[in-house]
Amino acid sequence: MISKDFFKNDRYATESGIELIEIREGYGKAKLEVTTRHLNAGNTTQGGAIFTLADLALAAASNSHGTLALSLASNITFLHGSGQGDTLYAEARERHCGKHTGHYQVDITNQNGALIATFEASVYRMDVKIDSLIEA
């Protein structure tokens, strides 16, 4: 099982204020507290911020087996808006785990449990062990 330490090196997610809160085999959960820096011109959460939140949860779930997994394709559907003061959660669940590919469903909800967006992604598993990438 991979630890959260590997994801400390995900500089983009970290700088975006996204926190990985849970990882276990085939599952990842991340959190974003929406502030003004996450808002678009319409004063709602910018889609890229939500995508990045989902992508970190995906990374946790797909890399949880200890082998480096990289996205092949992903798609997001926005269902409801969110804004400043909201806390968003992304929960990634493994739907298929093959030798070289995997498929994942990520639900993005707010602090009240309302479904904000859905995200689906496929990954390719490299022949690289994650332990070899973690800095001592």
N, C-alpha and C. Protein backbone atom coordinates (compact mmCIF):
# COMPACT_ATOMS: atom_id res chain seq x y z
N MET A 1 0.85 -1.19 0.00
CA MET A 1 0.00 0.00 0.00
C MET A 1 0.89 1.24 0.00
N ILE A 2 0.55 2.18 -0.81
CA ILE A 2 1.30 3.43 -0.92
C ILE A 2 0.89 4.38 0.20
N SER A 3 1.82 5.20 0.64
CA SER A 3 1.51 6.17 1.69
C SER A 3 1.22 7.53 1.06
N LYS A 4 0.69 8.43 1.88
CA LYS A 4 0.41 9.80 1.44
C LYS A 4 1.69 10.55 1.10
N ASP A 5 2.84 10.08 1.58
CA ASP A 5 4.11 10.77 1.36
C ASP A 5 4.40 10.99 -0.12
N PHE A 6 4.05 10.02 -0.96
CA PHE A 6 4.29 10.15 -2.39
C PHE A 6 3.61 11.40 -2.96
N PHE A 7 2.42 11.71 -2.46
CA PHE A 7 1.63 12.81 -3.02
C PHE A 7 2.05 14.18 -2.50
N LYS A 8 2.94 14.21 -1.51
CA LYS A 8 3.48 15.50 -1.06
C LYS A 8 4.27 16.17 -2.18
N ASN A 9 4.71 15.38 -3.14
CA ASN A 9 5.48 15.91 -4.27
C ASN A 9 4.57 16.40 -5.40
N ASP A 10 3.26 16.28 -5.24
CA ASP A 10 2.31 16.80 -6.24
C ASP A 10 2.16 18.30 -5.99
N ARG A 11 3.07 19.05 -6.54
CA ARG A 11 3.15 20.48 -6.25
C ARG A 11 1.93 21.26 -6.72
N TYR A 12 1.35 20.90 -7.86
CA TYR A 12 0.21 21.65 -8.36
C TYR A 12 -0.99 21.52 -7.43
N ALA A 13 -1.30 20.30 -7.02
CA ALA A 13 -2.43 20.10 -6.11
C ALA A 13 -2.18 20.78 -4.77
N THR A 14 -0.95 20.67 -4.27
CA THR A 14 -0.61 21.30 -2.99
C THR A 14 -0.76 22.81 -3.07
N GLU A 15 -0.22 23.42 -4.12
CA GLU A 15 -0.32 24.88 -4.29
C GLU A 15 -1.76 25.33 -4.51
N SER A 16 -2.61 24.43 -4.99
CA SER A 16 -4.02 24.74 -5.21
C SER A 16 -4.84 24.63 -3.93
N GLY A 17 -4.22 24.16 -2.84
CA GLY A 17 -4.92 24.04 -1.57
C GLY A 17 -5.68 22.74 -1.40
N ILE A 18 -5.34 21.74 -2.19
CA ILE A 18 -6.03 20.45 -2.12
C ILE A 18 -5.28 19.53 -1.17
N GLU A 19 -6.04 18.84 -0.34
CA GLU A 19 -5.47 17.95 0.68
C GLU A 19 -5.95 16.53 0.44
N LEU A 20 -5.02 15.59 0.40
CA LEU A 20 -5.36 14.17 0.32
C LEU A 20 -5.69 13.70 1.73
N ILE A 21 -6.91 13.23 1.94
CA ILE A 21 -7.30 12.87 3.31
C ILE A 21 -7.43 11.37 3.55
N GLU A 22 -7.53 10.59 2.47
CA GLU A 22 -7.61 9.13 2.68
C GLU A 22 -7.13 8.41 1.44
N ILE A 23 -6.41 7.32 1.68
CA ILE A 23 -5.98 6.45 0.60
C ILE A 23 -5.99 5.02 1.11
N ARG A 24 -6.59 4.15 0.32
CA ARG A 24 -6.53 2.71 0.58
C ARG A 24 -6.62 2.02 -0.78
N GLU A 25 -6.47 0.73 -0.81
CA GLU A 25 -6.41 0.03 -2.09
C GLU A 25 -7.65 0.32 -2.95
N GLY A 26 -7.41 0.92 -4.12
CA GLY A 26 -8.48 1.22 -5.06
C GLY A 26 -9.36 2.39 -4.69
N TYR A 27 -8.95 3.19 -3.72
CA TYR A 27 -9.79 4.30 -3.22
C TYR A 27 -8.91 5.48 -2.83
N GLY A 28 -9.40 6.67 -3.13
CA GLY A 28 -8.73 7.89 -2.70
C GLY A 28 -9.75 8.98 -2.43
N LYS A 29 -9.49 9.80 -1.42
CA LYS A 29 -10.39 10.90 -1.08
C LYS A 29 -9.56 12.15 -0.84
N ALA A 30 -10.00 13.25 -1.47
CA ALA A 30 -9.31 14.53 -1.34
C ALA A 30 -10.32 15.62 -1.01
N LYS A 31 -9.80 16.74 -0.50
CA LYS A 31 -10.65 17.82 0.00
C LYS A 31 -10.12 19.17 -0.48
N LEU A 32 -11.05 20.08 -0.79
CA LEU A 32 -10.70 21.45 -1.17
C LEU A 32 -11.65 22.41 -0.46
N GLU A 33 -11.08 23.34 0.29
CA GLU A 33 -11.87 24.41 0.88
C GLU A 33 -11.83 25.58 -0.10
N VAL A 34 -12.97 25.90 -0.68
CA VAL A 34 -13.04 26.90 -1.74
C VAL A 34 -12.87 28.31 -1.16
N THR A 35 -11.88 29.03 -1.69
CA THR A 35 -11.62 30.41 -1.31
C THR A 35 -11.73 31.28 -2.57
N THR A 36 -11.49 32.57 -2.42
CA THR A 36 -11.61 33.47 -3.57
C THR A 36 -10.65 33.10 -4.69
N ARG A 37 -9.51 32.49 -4.38
CA ARG A 37 -8.56 32.13 -5.44
C ARG A 37 -9.07 31.01 -6.33
N HIS A 38 -10.13 30.32 -5.91
CA HIS A 38 -10.69 29.22 -6.69
C HIS A 38 -11.89 29.65 -7.53
N LEU A 39 -12.26 30.93 -7.48
CA LEU A 39 -13.47 31.40 -8.16
C LEU A 39 -13.18 31.88 -9.57
N ASN A 40 -14.16 31.68 -10.45
CA ASN A 40 -14.07 32.22 -11.80
C ASN A 40 -14.74 33.60 -11.85
N ALA A 41 -14.87 34.17 -13.03
CA ALA A 41 -15.45 35.51 -13.17
C ALA A 41 -16.92 35.55 -12.75
N GLY A 42 -17.59 34.42 -12.74
CA GLY A 42 -18.99 34.36 -12.32
C GLY A 42 -19.16 34.11 -10.84
N ASN A 43 -18.05 34.16 -10.09
CA ASN A 43 -18.05 33.93 -8.64
C ASN A 43 -18.50 32.53 -8.24
N THR A 44 -18.27 31.56 -9.11
CA THR A 44 -18.48 30.16 -8.75
C THR A 44 -17.12 29.46 -8.84
N THR A 45 -17.04 28.27 -8.28
CA THR A 45 -15.77 27.53 -8.30
C THR A 45 -15.35 27.24 -9.73
N GLN A 46 -14.13 27.61 -10.05
CA GLN A 46 -13.59 27.41 -11.39
C GLN A 46 -13.52 25.91 -11.69
N GLY A 47 -13.94 25.53 -12.89
CA GLY A 47 -13.97 24.12 -13.26
C GLY A 47 -12.63 23.43 -13.14
N GLY A 48 -11.56 24.14 -13.44
CA GLY A 48 -10.22 23.55 -13.33
C GLY A 48 -9.86 23.19 -11.90
N ALA A 49 -10.36 23.95 -10.94
CA ALA A 49 -10.10 23.63 -9.53
C ALA A 49 -10.79 22.32 -9.15
N ILE A 50 -12.03 22.15 -9.63
CA ILE A 50 -12.77 20.92 -9.35
C ILE A 50 -12.11 19.74 -10.06
N PHE A 51 -11.67 19.95 -11.29
CA PHE A 51 -10.98 18.91 -12.04
C PHE A 51 -9.71 18.48 -11.31
N THR A 52 -8.94 19.44 -10.83
CA THR A 52 -7.70 19.13 -10.12
C THR A 52 -7.98 18.35 -8.84
N LEU A 53 -9.05 18.70 -8.13
CA LEU A 53 -9.46 17.96 -6.94
C LEU A 53 -9.75 16.50 -7.29
N ALA A 54 -10.54 16.29 -8.34
CA ALA A 54 -10.88 14.94 -8.78
C ALA A 54 -9.63 14.18 -9.23
N ASP A 55 -8.73 14.87 -9.91
CA ASP A 55 -7.53 14.24 -10.43
C ASP A 55 -6.61 13.75 -9.30
N LEU A 56 -6.53 14.48 -8.20
CA LEU A 56 -5.71 14.02 -7.07
C LEU A 56 -6.33 12.78 -6.42
N ALA A 57 -7.65 12.76 -6.28
CA ALA A 57 -8.31 11.57 -5.73
C ALA A 57 -8.08 10.37 -6.65
N LEU A 58 -8.17 10.60 -7.97
CA LEU A 58 -7.87 9.56 -8.95
C LEU A 58 -6.44 9.06 -8.78
N ALA A 59 -5.49 9.98 -8.66
CA ALA A 59 -4.08 9.59 -8.51
C ALA A 59 -3.89 8.71 -7.28
N ALA A 60 -4.55 9.06 -6.19
CA ALA A 60 -4.43 8.26 -4.97
C ALA A 60 -4.98 6.85 -5.18
N ALA A 61 -6.17 6.75 -5.75
CA ALA A 61 -6.79 5.44 -5.96
C ALA A 61 -6.00 4.59 -6.96
N SER A 62 -5.60 5.19 -8.07
CA SER A 62 -4.95 4.42 -9.12
C SER A 62 -3.51 4.04 -8.79
N ASN A 63 -2.85 4.83 -7.96
CA ASN A 63 -1.47 4.51 -7.55
C ASN A 63 -1.41 3.71 -6.26
N SER A 64 -2.56 3.43 -5.66
CA SER A 64 -2.61 2.75 -4.36
C SER A 64 -2.02 1.35 -4.37
N HIS A 65 -1.88 0.77 -5.56
CA HIS A 65 -1.34 -0.58 -5.66
C HIS A 65 0.19 -0.60 -5.66
N GLY A 66 0.80 0.60 -5.67
CA GLY A 66 2.25 0.68 -5.59
C GLY A 66 2.96 0.75 -6.92
N THR A 67 2.21 0.76 -8.02
CA THR A 67 2.78 0.88 -9.35
C THR A 67 2.33 2.21 -9.94
N LEU A 68 3.25 2.94 -10.57
CA LEU A 68 2.93 4.25 -11.12
C LEU A 68 1.85 4.15 -12.20
N ALA A 69 0.77 4.90 -12.01
CA ALA A 69 -0.34 4.94 -12.97
C ALA A 69 -0.51 6.38 -13.46
N LEU A 70 -0.65 6.53 -14.77
CA LEU A 70 -0.81 7.84 -15.39
C LEU A 70 -2.10 7.88 -16.19
N SER A 71 -2.75 9.02 -16.21
CA SER A 71 -4.04 9.16 -16.90
C SER A 71 -3.90 8.93 -18.40
N LEU A 72 -4.84 8.19 -18.94
CA LEU A 72 -4.98 8.03 -20.39
C LEU A 72 -6.06 8.98 -20.90
N ALA A 73 -7.18 9.03 -20.19
CA ALA A 73 -8.31 9.87 -20.60
C ALA A 73 -9.14 10.17 -19.37
N SER A 74 -9.76 11.34 -19.38
CA SER A 74 -10.66 11.70 -18.28
C SER A 74 -11.76 12.62 -18.79
N ASN A 75 -12.88 12.58 -18.09
CA ASN A 75 -14.04 13.38 -18.46
C ASN A 75 -14.75 13.83 -17.18
N ILE A 76 -15.17 15.08 -17.16
CA ILE A 76 -15.90 15.59 -16.00
C ILE A 76 -17.23 16.17 -16.46
N THR A 77 -18.26 15.95 -15.66
CA THR A 77 -19.58 16.53 -15.90
C THR A 77 -19.96 17.32 -14.66
N PHE A 78 -20.20 18.62 -14.85
CA PHE A 78 -20.59 19.50 -13.75
C PHE A 78 -22.10 19.48 -13.60
N LEU A 79 -22.58 19.22 -12.40
CA LEU A 79 -24.02 19.06 -12.15
C LEU A 79 -24.61 20.21 -11.36
N HIS A 80 -23.87 20.75 -10.41
CA HIS A 80 -24.32 21.87 -9.58
C HIS A 80 -23.15 22.80 -9.31
N GLY A 81 -23.45 24.03 -9.02
CA GLY A 81 -22.41 25.01 -8.73
C GLY A 81 -21.96 24.94 -7.27
N SER A 82 -20.83 25.57 -7.02
CA SER A 82 -20.32 25.74 -5.66
C SER A 82 -19.58 27.07 -5.64
N GLY A 83 -19.23 27.51 -4.45
CA GLY A 83 -18.58 28.81 -4.36
C GLY A 83 -17.78 28.97 -3.08
N GLN A 84 -17.35 30.20 -2.86
CA GLN A 84 -16.52 30.53 -1.70
C GLN A 84 -17.20 30.07 -0.42
N GLY A 85 -16.42 29.44 0.45
CA GLY A 85 -16.93 28.93 1.72
C GLY A 85 -17.36 27.48 1.66
N ASP A 86 -17.53 26.93 0.45
CA ASP A 86 -17.88 25.52 0.34
C ASP A 86 -16.64 24.66 0.57
N THR A 87 -16.86 23.46 1.06
CA THR A 87 -15.81 22.45 1.14
C THR A 87 -16.21 21.34 0.19
N LEU A 88 -15.33 21.04 -0.75
CA LEU A 88 -15.59 20.01 -1.74
C LEU A 88 -14.76 18.77 -1.44
N TYR A 89 -15.36 17.62 -1.67
CA TYR A 89 -14.70 16.33 -1.47
C TYR A 89 -14.76 15.54 -2.77
N ALA A 90 -13.68 14.89 -3.12
CA ALA A 90 -13.64 14.00 -4.27
C ALA A 90 -13.32 12.60 -3.77
N GLU A 91 -14.19 11.65 -4.11
CA GLU A 91 -13.98 10.25 -3.73
C GLU A 91 -13.83 9.43 -4.99
N ALA A 92 -12.64 8.84 -5.16
CA ALA A 92 -12.35 8.02 -6.33
C ALA A 92 -12.48 6.55 -5.96
N ARG A 93 -13.19 5.82 -6.82
CA ARG A 93 -13.38 4.39 -6.61
C ARG A 93 -12.96 3.63 -7.86
N GLU A 94 -12.23 2.57 -7.64
CA GLU A 94 -11.76 1.73 -8.74
C GLU A 94 -12.92 0.89 -9.27
N ARG A 95 -13.08 0.89 -10.59
CA ARG A 95 -14.11 0.07 -11.24
C ARG A 95 -13.51 -1.10 -11.99
N HIS A 96 -12.25 -0.94 -12.41
CA HIS A 96 -11.53 -2.01 -13.11
C HIS A 96 -10.05 -1.86 -12.79
N CYS A 97 -9.42 -2.98 -12.46
CA CYS A 97 -7.98 -2.97 -12.18
C CYS A 97 -7.33 -4.09 -12.98
N GLY A 98 -6.78 -3.74 -14.14
CA GLY A 98 -6.09 -4.71 -14.97
C GLY A 98 -4.59 -4.62 -14.77
N LYS A 99 -3.86 -5.46 -15.48
CA LYS A 99 -2.40 -5.46 -15.36
C LYS A 99 -1.82 -4.12 -15.80
N HIS A 100 -2.34 -3.55 -16.88
CA HIS A 100 -1.80 -2.29 -17.40
C HIS A 100 -2.80 -1.15 -17.45
N THR A 101 -4.07 -1.42 -17.30
CA THR A 101 -5.06 -0.34 -17.35
C THR A 101 -5.99 -0.41 -16.15
N GLY A 102 -6.60 0.72 -15.85
CA GLY A 102 -7.58 0.79 -14.78
C GLY A 102 -8.64 1.82 -15.15
N HIS A 103 -9.80 1.68 -14.56
CA HIS A 103 -10.88 2.64 -14.80
C HIS A 103 -11.46 3.06 -13.45
N TYR A 104 -11.76 4.37 -13.33
CA TYR A 104 -12.15 4.95 -12.04
C TYR A 104 -13.33 5.89 -12.20
N GLN A 105 -14.17 5.93 -11.17
CA GLN A 105 -15.29 6.86 -11.06
C GLN A 105 -15.01 7.74 -9.85
N VAL A 106 -15.13 9.06 -10.04
CA VAL A 106 -14.90 10.00 -8.94
C VAL A 106 -16.15 10.85 -8.77
N ASP A 107 -16.69 10.86 -7.56
CA ASP A 107 -17.82 11.73 -7.23
C ASP A 107 -17.30 12.92 -6.45
N ILE A 108 -17.71 14.12 -6.86
CA ILE A 108 -17.33 15.35 -6.16
C ILE A 108 -18.58 15.87 -5.47
N THR A 109 -18.53 16.00 -4.15
CA THR A 109 -19.67 16.46 -3.36
C THR A 109 -19.26 17.67 -2.53
N ASN A 110 -20.27 18.37 -2.02
CA ASN A 110 -19.97 19.49 -1.11
C ASN A 110 -20.15 19.04 0.34
N GLN A 111 -20.00 19.98 1.25
CA GLN A 111 -20.07 19.69 2.69
C GLN A 111 -21.43 19.15 3.13
N ASN A 112 -22.46 19.36 2.31
CA ASN A 112 -23.80 18.85 2.62
C ASN A 112 -24.10 17.52 1.94
N GLY A 113 -23.13 17.00 1.20
CA GLY A 113 -23.32 15.73 0.50
C GLY A 113 -23.95 15.87 -0.87
N ALA A 114 -24.21 17.10 -1.34
CA ALA A 114 -24.79 17.31 -2.66
C ALA A 114 -23.76 16.98 -3.74
N LEU A 115 -24.19 16.27 -4.77
CA LEU A 115 -23.30 15.89 -5.86
C LEU A 115 -23.06 17.10 -6.76
N ILE A 116 -21.81 17.55 -6.84
CA ILE A 116 -21.42 18.73 -7.61
C ILE A 116 -20.98 18.34 -9.02
N ALA A 117 -20.25 17.24 -9.14
CA ALA A 117 -19.74 16.80 -10.43
C ALA A 117 -19.40 15.31 -10.38
N THR A 118 -19.34 14.70 -11.56
CA THR A 118 -18.85 13.33 -11.69
C THR A 118 -17.67 13.35 -12.66
N PHE A 119 -16.72 12.46 -12.42
CA PHE A 119 -15.47 12.42 -13.17
C PHE A 119 -15.16 10.96 -13.43
N GLU A 120 -14.84 10.62 -14.66
CA GLU A 120 -14.43 9.27 -15.01
C GLU A 120 -13.07 9.32 -15.65
N ALA A 121 -12.25 8.33 -15.39
CA ALA A 121 -10.91 8.32 -15.96
C ALA A 121 -10.39 6.91 -16.15
N SER A 122 -9.53 6.78 -17.15
CA SER A 122 -8.79 5.55 -17.39
C SER A 122 -7.32 5.85 -17.19
N VAL A 123 -6.59 4.87 -16.67
CA VAL A 123 -5.16 5.05 -16.42
C VAL A 123 -4.37 3.91 -17.06
N TYR A 124 -3.09 4.18 -17.27
CA TYR A 124 -2.14 3.17 -17.72
C TYR A 124 -1.13 2.96 -16.61
N ARG A 125 -0.91 1.70 -16.26
CA ARG A 125 0.05 1.37 -15.21
C ARG A 125 1.42 1.11 -15.83
N MET A 126 2.39 1.91 -15.39
CA MET A 126 3.76 1.79 -15.87
C MET A 126 4.46 0.65 -15.12
N ASP A 127 5.59 0.24 -15.64
CA ASP A 127 6.40 -0.78 -14.95
C ASP A 127 7.39 -0.09 -14.02
N VAL A 128 6.86 0.81 -13.17
CA VAL A 128 7.67 1.59 -12.23
C VAL A 128 7.05 1.46 -10.85
N LYS A 129 7.83 1.01 -9.89
CA LYS A 129 7.36 0.93 -8.51
C LYS A 129 7.43 2.31 -7.88
N ILE A 130 6.38 2.70 -7.20
CA ILE A 130 6.31 4.04 -6.61
C ILE A 130 7.36 4.23 -5.52
N ASP A 131 7.69 3.18 -4.80
CA ASP A 131 8.72 3.29 -3.75
C ASP A 131 10.02 3.88 -4.30
N SER A 132 10.32 3.59 -5.57
CA SER A 132 11.56 4.10 -6.16
C SER A 132 11.49 5.59 -6.47
N LEU A 133 10.29 6.19 -6.41
CA LEU A 133 10.11 7.60 -6.72
C LEU A 133 10.02 8.49 -5.49
N ILE A 134 9.86 7.88 -4.31
CA ILE A 134 9.70 8.65 -3.08
C ILE A 134 11.07 9.10 -2.59
N GLU A 135 11.18 10.42 -2.39
CA GLU A 135 12.45 10.97 -1.90
C GLU A 135 12.60 10.65 -0.42
N ALA A 136 13.80 10.27 -0.05
CA ALA A 136 14.06 9.93 1.35
C ALA A 136 14.13 11.18 2.20
